[in-house]
Each structure stands twice: as structure tokens, then as C-alpha cells.
Amino acid sequence: MAEFSTSIKDQGNINIVYLKGFLDAHTAPSLENTFSGLVDKGRYQIVVNFKDLAYISSAGLGVFMAFIEKIRENNGDIKLSSMSDKVFNIFDLLGFPLLYEIFKTEEEAVKKFNEIK
């Protein structure tokens, strides 16, 4: 089975979620648990760093759709950063750039949250 892991860095009011490996139907529950944990703690400003993500399937994309409404209802957002061209092309093909802000770097995404204050 493909490997996948998440890790979280707390940066003030913002949580940065790092994805690593292959995000598919088998590994999507791990990301669901990560997002659920953040929402349960009232952490609604989330940057997802895709630097070490090699692959994402439609099941992985579905996790983002499952959480974005609840997060935005709580004045938060999920901002995406550091995607490889391969991963970005999947997001782009499905119209995600219309729904999510996608940044070249994690720093740019964090900065965008800080501008909102």
C-alpha cells in the first residue's frame, strides 16, 4: 500500500499541514482525521503544503471539499501551497483554483492570512 502521512506545524493562529506521499482512497481518512482534529480545536486558518505529495486522487480532493464549507462558515480558509506541476494540474483540471487560493510558497499563503487581520 502507498505511504502517506501528515504533520502539523502550529504558527500562531495558522496551522500548516504538510502532506507526504500518496493521497488516495486508502489514505484519505488520514487527512480527514487531521482536518477533523483542527476543526474540533477551533483551528480554521489552515495552509496545506504539498511539497512532498507525490500523487492525489479524486478521493483526496474530496477531503478538501468535505471540510471547506465548515471552515469558511467559521471565518477560516484552507490555502494551498508548494504544489508540484503534476499535482497542480489535477487541481486545475477540476477547477479548484476557482475555489481555493493556491500559492507557490508556504510563506506567501501564511502572509495572505496575516493580511486579512
C-alpha atoms as a PDB file:
ATOM      1  CA  MET A   1       0.000   0.000   0.000  1.00  0.00           C
ATOM      2  CA  ALA A   2       1.179   3.523  -0.785  1.00  0.00           C
ATOM      3  CA  GLU A   3       2.618   5.575   2.037  1.00  0.00           C
ATOM      4  CA  PHE A   4       1.004   8.789   3.188  1.00  0.00           C
ATOM      5  CA  SER A   5       1.487  10.973   6.224  1.00  0.00           C
ATOM      6  CA  THR A   6       0.528  14.370   7.544  1.00  0.00           C
ATOM      7  CA  SER A   7       2.258  16.579  10.042  1.00  0.00           C
ATOM      8  CA  ILE A   8       1.121  19.877  11.507  1.00  0.00           C
ATOM      9  CA  LYS A   9       3.108  22.964  12.438  1.00  0.00           C
ATOM     10  CA  ASP A  10       1.399  25.491  14.665  1.00  0.00           C
ATOM     11  CA  GLN A  11       2.296  29.024  13.612  1.00  0.00           C
ATOM     12  CA  GLY A  12       0.276  31.335  15.842  1.00  0.00           C
ATOM     13  CA  ASN A  13      -3.310  31.391  14.617  1.00  0.00           C
ATOM     14  CA  ILE A  14      -2.366  29.447  11.498  1.00  0.00           C
ATOM     15  CA  ASN A  15      -1.815  25.713  11.223  1.00  0.00           C
ATOM     16  CA  ILE A  16       0.349  24.379   8.427  1.00  0.00           C
ATOM     17  CA  VAL A  17      -0.451  20.839   7.313  1.00  0.00           C
ATOM     18  CA  TYR A  18       2.319  19.020   5.471  1.00  0.00           C
ATOM     19  CA  LEU A  19       1.312  16.203   3.136  1.00  0.00           C
ATOM     20  CA  LYS A  20       3.756  13.472   2.173  1.00  0.00           C
ATOM     21  CA  GLY A  21       3.406  10.541  -0.189  1.00  0.00           C
ATOM     22  CA  PHE A  22       0.301   9.306  -1.987  1.00  0.00           C
ATOM     23  CA  LEU A  23      -3.159  10.662  -1.128  1.00  0.00           C
ATOM     24  CA  ASP A  24      -5.800   8.282  -2.456  1.00  0.00           C
ATOM     25  CA  ALA A  25      -8.924   6.426  -1.321  1.00  0.00           C
ATOM     26  CA  HIS A  26      -6.888   4.275   1.088  1.00  0.00           C
ATOM     27  CA  THR A  27      -5.040   7.170   2.699  1.00  0.00           C
ATOM     28  CA  ALA A  28      -7.704   9.917   2.546  1.00  0.00           C
ATOM     29  CA  PRO A  29      -9.065   9.029   6.036  1.00  0.00           C
ATOM     30  CA  SER A  30      -5.716  10.129   7.488  1.00  0.00           C
ATOM     31  CA  LEU A  31      -6.173  13.625   6.038  1.00  0.00           C
ATOM     32  CA  GLU A  32      -9.830  13.622   7.171  1.00  0.00           C
ATOM     33  CA  ASN A  33      -8.640  12.916  10.718  1.00  0.00           C
ATOM     34  CA  THR A  34      -6.112  15.741  10.503  1.00  0.00           C
ATOM     35  CA  PHE A  35      -8.735  18.254   9.365  1.00  0.00           C
ATOM     36  CA  SER A  36     -11.285  16.974  11.899  1.00  0.00           C
ATOM     37  CA  GLY A  37      -8.770  17.445  14.700  1.00  0.00           C
ATOM     38  CA  LEU A  38      -8.091  21.034  13.657  1.00  0.00           C
ATOM     39  CA  VAL A  39     -11.804  21.866  13.335  1.00  0.00           C
ATOM     40  CA  ASP A  40     -12.520  20.260  16.721  1.00  0.00           C
ATOM     41  CA  LYS A  41      -9.924  22.595  18.259  1.00  0.00           C
ATOM     42  CA  GLY A  42     -11.395  25.647  16.529  1.00  0.00           C
ATOM     43  CA  ARG A  43      -8.400  25.985  14.217  1.00  0.00           C
ATOM     44  CA  TYR A  44      -9.821  27.384  10.974  1.00  0.00           C
ATOM     45  CA  GLN A  45      -6.826  29.070   9.347  1.00  0.00           C
ATOM     46  CA  ILE A  46      -5.081  26.275   7.514  1.00  0.00           C
ATOM     47  CA  VAL A  47      -2.273  26.236   4.972  1.00  0.00           C
ATOM     48  CA  VAL A  48      -1.689  22.902   3.250  1.00  0.00           C
ATOM     49  CA  ASN A  49       1.863  22.387   1.964  1.00  0.00           C
ATOM     50  CA  PHE A  50       2.002  19.896  -0.924  1.00  0.00           C
ATOM     51  CA  LYS A  51       5.797  19.972  -1.366  1.00  0.00           C
ATOM     52  CA  ASP A  52       6.242  16.266  -0.536  1.00  0.00           C
ATOM     53  CA  LEU A  53       2.977  14.988  -2.030  1.00  0.00           C
ATOM     54  CA  ALA A  54       3.685  12.723  -4.999  1.00  0.00           C
ATOM     55  CA  TYR A  55       0.093  11.897  -6.000  1.00  0.00           C
ATOM     56  CA  ILE A  56      -3.503  12.879  -5.253  1.00  0.00           C
ATOM     57  CA  SER A  57      -6.652  11.070  -6.390  1.00  0.00           C
ATOM     58  CA  SER A  58     -10.247  12.260  -6.560  1.00  0.00           C
ATOM     59  CA  ALA A  59     -10.791  10.767  -3.088  1.00  0.00           C
ATOM     60  CA  GLY A  60      -8.023  13.009  -1.768  1.00  0.00           C
ATOM     61  CA  LEU A  61      -9.551  16.038  -3.468  1.00  0.00           C
ATOM     62  CA  GLY A  62     -12.890  15.123  -1.901  1.00  0.00           C
ATOM     63  CA  VAL A  63     -11.434  15.598   1.581  1.00  0.00           C
ATOM     64  CA  PHE A  64     -10.804  19.266   0.816  1.00  0.00           C
ATOM     65  CA  MET A  65     -14.369  19.693  -0.420  1.00  0.00           C
ATOM     66  CA  ALA A  66     -15.745  17.958   2.677  1.00  0.00           C
ATOM     67  CA  PHE A  67     -14.163  20.476   5.062  1.00  0.00           C
ATOM     68  CA  ILE A  68     -14.038  23.805   3.230  1.00  0.00           C
ATOM     69  CA  GLU A  69     -17.651  24.816   3.911  1.00  0.00           C
ATOM     70  CA  LYS A  70     -17.424  24.259   7.671  1.00  0.00           C
ATOM     71  CA  ILE A  71     -14.092  26.066   7.840  1.00  0.00           C
ATOM     72  CA  ARG A  72     -15.356  29.065   5.869  1.00  0.00           C
ATOM     73  CA  GLU A  73     -18.544  29.194   7.983  1.00  0.00           C
ATOM     74  CA  ASN A  74     -16.184  29.830  10.904  1.00  0.00           C
ATOM     75  CA  ASN A  75     -14.365  32.700   9.147  1.00  0.00           C
ATOM     76  CA  GLY A  76     -11.455  30.475   8.198  1.00  0.00           C
ATOM     77  CA  ASP A  77      -9.999  29.145   4.984  1.00  0.00           C
ATOM     78  CA  ILE A  78      -7.761  26.472   3.527  1.00  0.00           C
ATOM     79  CA  LYS A  79      -4.951  27.903   1.419  1.00  0.00           C
ATOM     80  CA  LEU A  80      -2.826  25.588  -0.700  1.00  0.00           C
ATOM     81  CA  SER A  81       0.910  25.907  -1.348  1.00  0.00           C
ATOM     82  CA  SER A  82       4.023  24.355  -2.845  1.00  0.00           C
ATOM     83  CA  MET A  83       2.370  22.016  -5.371  1.00  0.00           C
ATOM     84  CA  SER A  84       4.351  20.162  -7.972  1.00  0.00           C
ATOM     85  CA  ASP A  85       3.207  20.770 -11.536  1.00  0.00           C
ATOM     86  CA  LYS A  86       1.764  17.254 -11.617  1.00  0.00           C
ATOM     87  CA  VAL A  87      -0.406  17.807  -8.528  1.00  0.00           C
ATOM     88  CA  PHE A  88      -1.376  21.333  -9.588  1.00  0.00           C
ATOM     89  CA  ASN A  89      -2.556  20.039 -12.971  1.00  0.00           C
ATOM     90  CA  ILE A  90      -5.021  17.702 -11.225  1.00  0.00           C
ATOM     91  CA  PHE A  91      -6.376  20.565  -9.094  1.00  0.00           C
ATOM     92  CA  ASP A  92      -6.533  22.829 -12.147  1.00  0.00           C
ATOM     93  CA  LEU A  93      -8.315  20.255 -14.294  1.00  0.00           C
ATOM     94  CA  LEU A  94     -11.092  20.019 -11.708  1.00  0.00           C
ATOM     95  CA  GLY A  95     -11.478  23.772 -11.268  1.00  0.00           C
ATOM     96  CA  PHE A  96     -10.020  24.015  -7.764  1.00  0.00           C
ATOM     97  CA  PRO A  97      -8.202  27.316  -8.462  1.00  0.00           C
ATOM     98  CA  LEU A  98     -11.667  28.916  -8.578  1.00  0.00           C
ATOM     99  CA  LEU A  99     -12.438  27.595  -5.079  1.00  0.00           C
ATOM    100  CA  TYR A 100      -9.077  27.802  -3.323  1.00  0.00           C
ATOM    101  CA  GLU A 101      -6.177  30.218  -3.295  1.00  0.00           C
ATOM    102  CA  ILE A 102      -3.065  28.388  -4.455  1.00  0.00           C
ATOM    103  CA  PHE A 103       0.360  29.850  -3.674  1.00  0.00           C
ATOM    104  CA  LYS A 104       3.831  28.987  -4.921  1.00  0.00           C
ATOM    105  CA  THR A 105       5.242  29.009  -1.380  1.00  0.00           C
ATOM    106  CA  GLU A 106       4.048  28.347   2.145  1.00  0.00           C
ATOM    107  CA  GLU A 107       5.286  31.789   3.166  1.00  0.00           C
ATOM    108  CA  GLU A 108       3.023  33.501   0.618  1.00  0.00           C
ATOM    109  CA  ALA A 109      -0.015  31.579   1.888  1.00  0.00           C
ATOM    110  CA  VAL A 110       0.756  32.445   5.527  1.00  0.00           C
ATOM    111  CA  LYS A 111       1.287  36.072   4.552  1.00  0.00           C
ATOM    112  CA  LYS A 112      -2.145  36.155   2.915  1.00  0.00           C
ATOM    113  CA  PHE A 113      -3.783  35.075   6.194  1.00  0.00           C
ATOM    114  CA  ASN A 114      -1.849  37.752   8.064  1.00  0.00           C
ATOM    115  CA  GLU A 115      -3.026  40.439   5.605  1.00  0.00           C
ATOM    116  CA  ILE A 116      -6.667  39.657   6.409  1.00  0.00           C
ATOM    117  CA  LYS A 117      -6.395  40.700  10.052  1.00  0.00           C
END
